[in-house]
């Protein structure tokens, strides 16, 4: 069952898609929420399955593994 997303949820998801390494405090500033409220929302998005995984995209050349 899909959860209902509001504008703040969309803003948080967009920010995390752009840079998944953002801190909770940075996300809170972007969304205009307290860090505690932001943490609660991100946790809810993870627990509901909206956020399935937070990953890193590696550059093989920069890591010393040229193709």
Protein backbone atom coordinates (compact mmCIF):
# COMPACT_ATOMS: atom_id res chain seq x y z
CA UNK A 1 0.00 0.00 0.00
CA UNK A 2 1.44 3.36 -1.04
CA UNK A 3 1.90 6.04 1.58
CA UNK A 4 0.75 9.58 1.05
CA UNK A 5 3.59 12.00 0.31
CA UNK A 6 3.33 15.72 0.95
CA UNK A 7 5.45 18.54 -0.45
CA UNK A 8 8.04 18.21 2.33
CA UNK A 9 8.43 14.48 1.66
CA UNK A 10 8.95 15.22 -2.05
CA UNK A 11 11.50 17.90 -1.18
CA UNK A 12 13.43 15.48 1.05
CA UNK A 13 13.34 12.72 -1.56
CA UNK A 14 14.54 15.10 -4.27
CA UNK A 15 17.40 16.34 -2.09
CA UNK A 16 18.45 12.77 -1.25
CA UNK A 17 18.36 11.75 -4.91
CA UNK A 18 20.60 14.69 -5.79
CA UNK A 19 23.05 13.96 -2.95
CA UNK A 20 22.41 10.96 -0.71
CA UNK A 21 25.35 12.01 1.48
CA UNK A 22 23.54 15.06 2.88
CA UNK A 23 23.43 15.21 6.64
CA UNK A 24 20.19 15.29 8.56
CA UNK A 25 20.92 18.91 9.54
CA UNK A 26 21.39 19.88 5.87
CA UNK A 27 18.13 18.17 4.95
CA UNK A 28 16.36 19.93 7.82
CA UNK A 29 17.57 23.33 6.61
CA UNK A 30 16.43 22.58 3.06
CA UNK A 31 12.99 21.44 4.19
CA UNK A 32 12.54 24.12 6.87
CA UNK A 33 12.07 21.51 9.60
CA UNK A 34 13.81 20.68 12.84
CA UNK A 35 16.46 17.96 12.62
CA UNK A 36 14.25 15.69 14.78
CA UNK A 37 11.24 16.13 12.47
CA UNK A 38 13.44 15.51 9.44
CA UNK A 39 14.89 12.35 10.94
CA UNK A 40 11.37 11.10 11.70
CA UNK A 41 10.23 11.74 8.11
CA UNK A 42 13.26 10.08 6.50
CA UNK A 43 12.90 7.11 8.85
CA UNK A 44 9.20 6.81 7.88
CA UNK A 45 10.13 6.92 4.19
CA UNK A 46 12.67 4.14 4.73
CA UNK A 47 10.36 1.96 6.83
CA UNK A 48 7.52 2.31 4.31
CA UNK A 49 9.80 1.22 1.47
CA UNK A 50 9.70 4.52 -0.42
CA UNK A 51 13.45 4.76 0.17
CA UNK A 52 14.78 1.29 -0.54
CA UNK A 53 18.50 1.93 -0.46
CA UNK A 54 20.97 4.77 -0.15
CA UNK A 55 23.98 4.09 -2.32
CA UNK A 56 27.20 5.54 -3.64
CA UNK A 57 28.05 5.82 -7.31
CA UNK A 58 31.74 5.14 -7.79
CA UNK A 59 34.08 6.47 -10.46
CA UNK A 60 36.26 3.46 -11.40
CA UNK A 61 39.03 5.62 -12.90
CA UNK A 62 39.26 7.82 -9.81
CA UNK A 63 39.36 4.66 -7.69
CA UNK A 64 42.26 3.31 -9.74
CA UNK A 65 40.27 0.76 -11.74
CA UNK A 66 40.31 2.02 -15.35
CA UNK A 67 38.21 0.02 -17.77
